[in-house]
Amino acid sequence: MVWLNRQGGAGPLGTRYGSVSLDGAMWDIYQGDIGWKVYSFVRRANTTKASLDLDDFTQALVRRMLLGNDKYLSGIEAGSEVFRGSGRLDTKAYSVDIG
């Protein structure tokens, strides 16, 4: 998971593993387990807009030997992590380039 904005007490699964600088920002890496490993990148400074290369994030896990280089991305979703009450996500544009 890639968290661009964290507020209201929401947080990623697991514990903080480390941090990395990607795409001009600092990100904390979290590792959790729900029967399989879950990795989350939480941006330290909230933003509402981003253009990211997801390969940068997966390669950060490969370099830390948390993910095998033989794995591949099988799906992409966008949303919010509502854990109490209600939530809202307004999206003006969403696109994915596969190359």
C-alpha atoms as a PDB file:
ATOM      1  CA  MET A   1       0.000   0.000   0.000  1.00  0.00           C
ATOM      2  CA  VAL A   2       1.092   3.555  -0.662  1.00  0.00           C
ATOM      3  CA  TRP A   3      -0.302   6.137   1.760  1.00  0.00           C
ATOM      4  CA  LEU A   4      -0.177   9.694   0.417  1.00  0.00           C
ATOM      5  CA  ASN A   5      -2.113  11.192   3.302  1.00  0.00           C
ATOM      6  CA  ARG A   6      -2.516   9.942   6.849  1.00  0.00           C
ATOM      7  CA  GLN A   7      -4.815  11.664   9.315  1.00  0.00           C
ATOM      8  CA  GLY A   8      -7.458  11.093  11.967  1.00  0.00           C
ATOM      9  CA  GLY A   9      -5.622   8.203  13.598  1.00  0.00           C
ATOM     10  CA  ALA A  10      -5.662   5.839  10.607  1.00  0.00           C
ATOM     11  CA  GLY A  11      -2.508   3.841  10.124  1.00  0.00           C
ATOM     12  CA  PRO A  12      -0.989   0.925   8.266  1.00  0.00           C
ATOM     13  CA  LEU A  13      -0.950  -2.673   9.413  1.00  0.00           C
ATOM     14  CA  GLY A  14       2.109  -3.880  11.292  1.00  0.00           C
ATOM     15  CA  THR A  15       5.178  -2.147  12.615  1.00  0.00           C
ATOM     16  CA  ARG A  16       7.607   0.372  11.161  1.00  0.00           C
ATOM     17  CA  TYR A  17      10.442  -1.424   9.393  1.00  0.00           C
ATOM     18  CA  GLY A  18      12.495   1.521   8.132  1.00  0.00           C
ATOM     19  CA  SER A  19      12.335   4.469   5.788  1.00  0.00           C
ATOM     20  CA  VAL A  20      13.287   5.413   2.247  1.00  0.00           C
ATOM     21  CA  SER A  21      13.479   8.510   0.064  1.00  0.00           C
ATOM     22  CA  LEU A  22      11.463   8.064  -3.148  1.00  0.00           C
ATOM     23  CA  ASP A  23      10.065  10.491  -5.700  1.00  0.00           C
ATOM     24  CA  GLY A  24      11.305  13.500  -3.718  1.00  0.00           C
ATOM     25  CA  ALA A  25       9.685  12.522  -0.415  1.00  0.00           C
ATOM     26  CA  MET A  26      10.482  10.509   2.703  1.00  0.00           C
ATOM     27  CA  TRP A  27       8.394   7.398   3.304  1.00  0.00           C
ATOM     28  CA  ASP A  28       8.167   5.118   6.348  1.00  0.00           C
ATOM     29  CA  ILE A  29       7.943   1.419   5.470  1.00  0.00           C
ATOM     30  CA  TYR A  30       5.619  -0.786   7.534  1.00  0.00           C
ATOM     31  CA  GLN A  31       5.517  -4.562   7.519  1.00  0.00           C
ATOM     32  CA  GLY A  32       2.465  -6.524   8.656  1.00  0.00           C
ATOM     33  CA  ASP A  33       0.997  -9.991   8.283  1.00  0.00           C
ATOM     34  CA  ILE A  34      -2.579 -11.086   7.574  1.00  0.00           C
ATOM     35  CA  GLY A  35      -1.677 -14.604   6.480  1.00  0.00           C
ATOM     36  CA  TRP A  36       0.682 -13.067   3.915  1.00  0.00           C
ATOM     37  CA  LYS A  37       3.125 -10.178   4.133  1.00  0.00           C
ATOM     38  CA  VAL A  38       1.714  -6.684   3.711  1.00  0.00           C
ATOM     39  CA  TYR A  39       4.026  -3.726   3.062  1.00  0.00           C
ATOM     40  CA  SER A  40       2.926  -0.120   3.356  1.00  0.00           C
ATOM     41  CA  PHE A  41       4.752   3.065   2.428  1.00  0.00           C
ATOM     42  CA  VAL A  42       3.490   6.035   4.448  1.00  0.00           C
ATOM     43  CA  ARG A  43       4.498   9.474   3.202  1.00  0.00           C
ATOM     44  CA  ARG A  44       5.843  11.550   6.101  1.00  0.00           C
ATOM     45  CA  ALA A  45       4.438  14.818   4.734  1.00  0.00           C
ATOM     46  CA  ASN A  46       0.795  14.488   3.662  1.00  0.00           C
ATOM     47  CA  THR A  47      -0.084  15.328   0.083  1.00  0.00           C
ATOM     48  CA  THR A  48      -3.226  15.241  -2.021  1.00  0.00           C
ATOM     49  CA  LYS A  49      -1.489  14.851  -5.379  1.00  0.00           C
ATOM     50  CA  ALA A  50       1.226  12.537  -6.643  1.00  0.00           C
ATOM     51  CA  SER A  51       2.738  11.065  -9.763  1.00  0.00           C
ATOM     52  CA  LEU A  52       4.615   7.932  -8.727  1.00  0.00           C
ATOM     53  CA  ASP A  53       6.589   5.138 -10.330  1.00  0.00           C
ATOM     54  CA  LEU A  54       5.407   2.070  -8.414  1.00  0.00           C
ATOM     55  CA  ASP A  55       8.515   0.180  -9.533  1.00  0.00           C
ATOM     56  CA  ASP A  56      10.536   2.485  -7.240  1.00  0.00           C
ATOM     57  CA  PHE A  57       8.507   1.194  -4.289  1.00  0.00           C
ATOM     58  CA  THR A  58       8.769  -2.492  -5.188  1.00  0.00           C
ATOM     59  CA  GLN A  59      12.503  -2.158  -5.844  1.00  0.00           C
ATOM     60  CA  ALA A  60      12.927  -0.592  -2.379  1.00  0.00           C
ATOM     61  CA  LEU A  61      11.486  -3.840  -0.973  1.00  0.00           C
ATOM     62  CA  VAL A  62      13.709  -5.958  -3.239  1.00  0.00           C
ATOM     63  CA  ARG A  63      16.836  -4.073  -2.075  1.00  0.00           C
ATOM     64  CA  ARG A  64      15.874  -4.829   1.544  1.00  0.00           C
ATOM     65  CA  MET A  65      15.293  -8.502   0.626  1.00  0.00           C
ATOM     66  CA  LEU A  66      11.633  -8.225   1.679  1.00  0.00           C
ATOM     67  CA  LEU A  67      10.344  -9.081  -1.787  1.00  0.00           C
ATOM     68  CA  GLY A  68      11.743 -11.372  -4.442  1.00  0.00           C
ATOM     69  CA  ASN A  69      12.713  -9.788  -7.752  1.00  0.00           C
ATOM     70  CA  ASP A  70      10.586 -12.457  -9.464  1.00  0.00           C
ATOM     71  CA  LYS A  71       7.289 -11.000  -8.135  1.00  0.00           C
ATOM     72  CA  TYR A  72       5.015  -8.792 -10.172  1.00  0.00           C
ATOM     73  CA  LEU A  73       2.167  -6.356  -9.640  1.00  0.00           C
ATOM     74  CA  SER A  74      -1.229  -7.936 -10.321  1.00  0.00           C
ATOM     75  CA  GLY A  75      -3.609  -5.087  -9.499  1.00  0.00           C
ATOM     76  CA  ILE A  76      -3.866  -1.403  -8.672  1.00  0.00           C
ATOM     77  CA  GLU A  77      -6.586   0.252  -6.604  1.00  0.00           C
ATOM     78  CA  ALA A  78      -7.122   3.697  -5.119  1.00  0.00           C
ATOM     79  CA  GLY A  79      -9.203   4.573  -2.110  1.00  0.00           C
ATOM     80  CA  SER A  80      -9.275   5.606   1.494  1.00  0.00           C
ATOM     81  CA  GLU A  81      -8.824   3.591   4.678  1.00  0.00           C
ATOM     82  CA  VAL A  82     -11.964   4.378   6.665  1.00  0.00           C
ATOM     83  CA  PHE A  83     -11.680   2.834  10.118  1.00  0.00           C
ATOM     84  CA  ARG A  84     -14.311   4.835  11.982  1.00  0.00           C
ATOM     85  CA  GLY A  85     -17.376   6.739  10.826  1.00  0.00           C
ATOM     86  CA  SER A  86     -17.545   7.559   7.142  1.00  0.00           C
ATOM     87  CA  GLY A  87     -15.039   8.692   4.568  1.00  0.00           C
ATOM     88  CA  ARG A  88     -14.800  10.321   1.202  1.00  0.00           C
ATOM     89  CA  LEU A  89     -12.388  10.227  -1.707  1.00  0.00           C
ATOM     90  CA  ASP A  90     -12.651  12.827  -4.453  1.00  0.00           C
ATOM     91  CA  THR A  91     -10.597  11.949  -7.517  1.00  0.00           C
ATOM     92  CA  LYS A  92     -10.102  14.336 -10.415  1.00  0.00           C
ATOM     93  CA  ALA A  93      -7.804  12.037 -12.374  1.00  0.00           C
ATOM     94  CA  TYR A  94      -6.438   8.521 -12.050  1.00  0.00           C
ATOM     95  CA  SER A  95      -4.300   6.796 -14.629  1.00  0.00           C
ATOM     96  CA  VAL A  96      -1.842   3.949 -14.851  1.00  0.00           C
ATOM     97  CA  ASP A  97       0.808   3.497 -17.523  1.00  0.00           C
ATOM     98  CA  ILE A  98       2.239   0.018 -17.940  1.00  0.00           C
ATOM     99  CA  GLY A  99       5.499  -0.126 -19.757  1.00  0.00           C
END
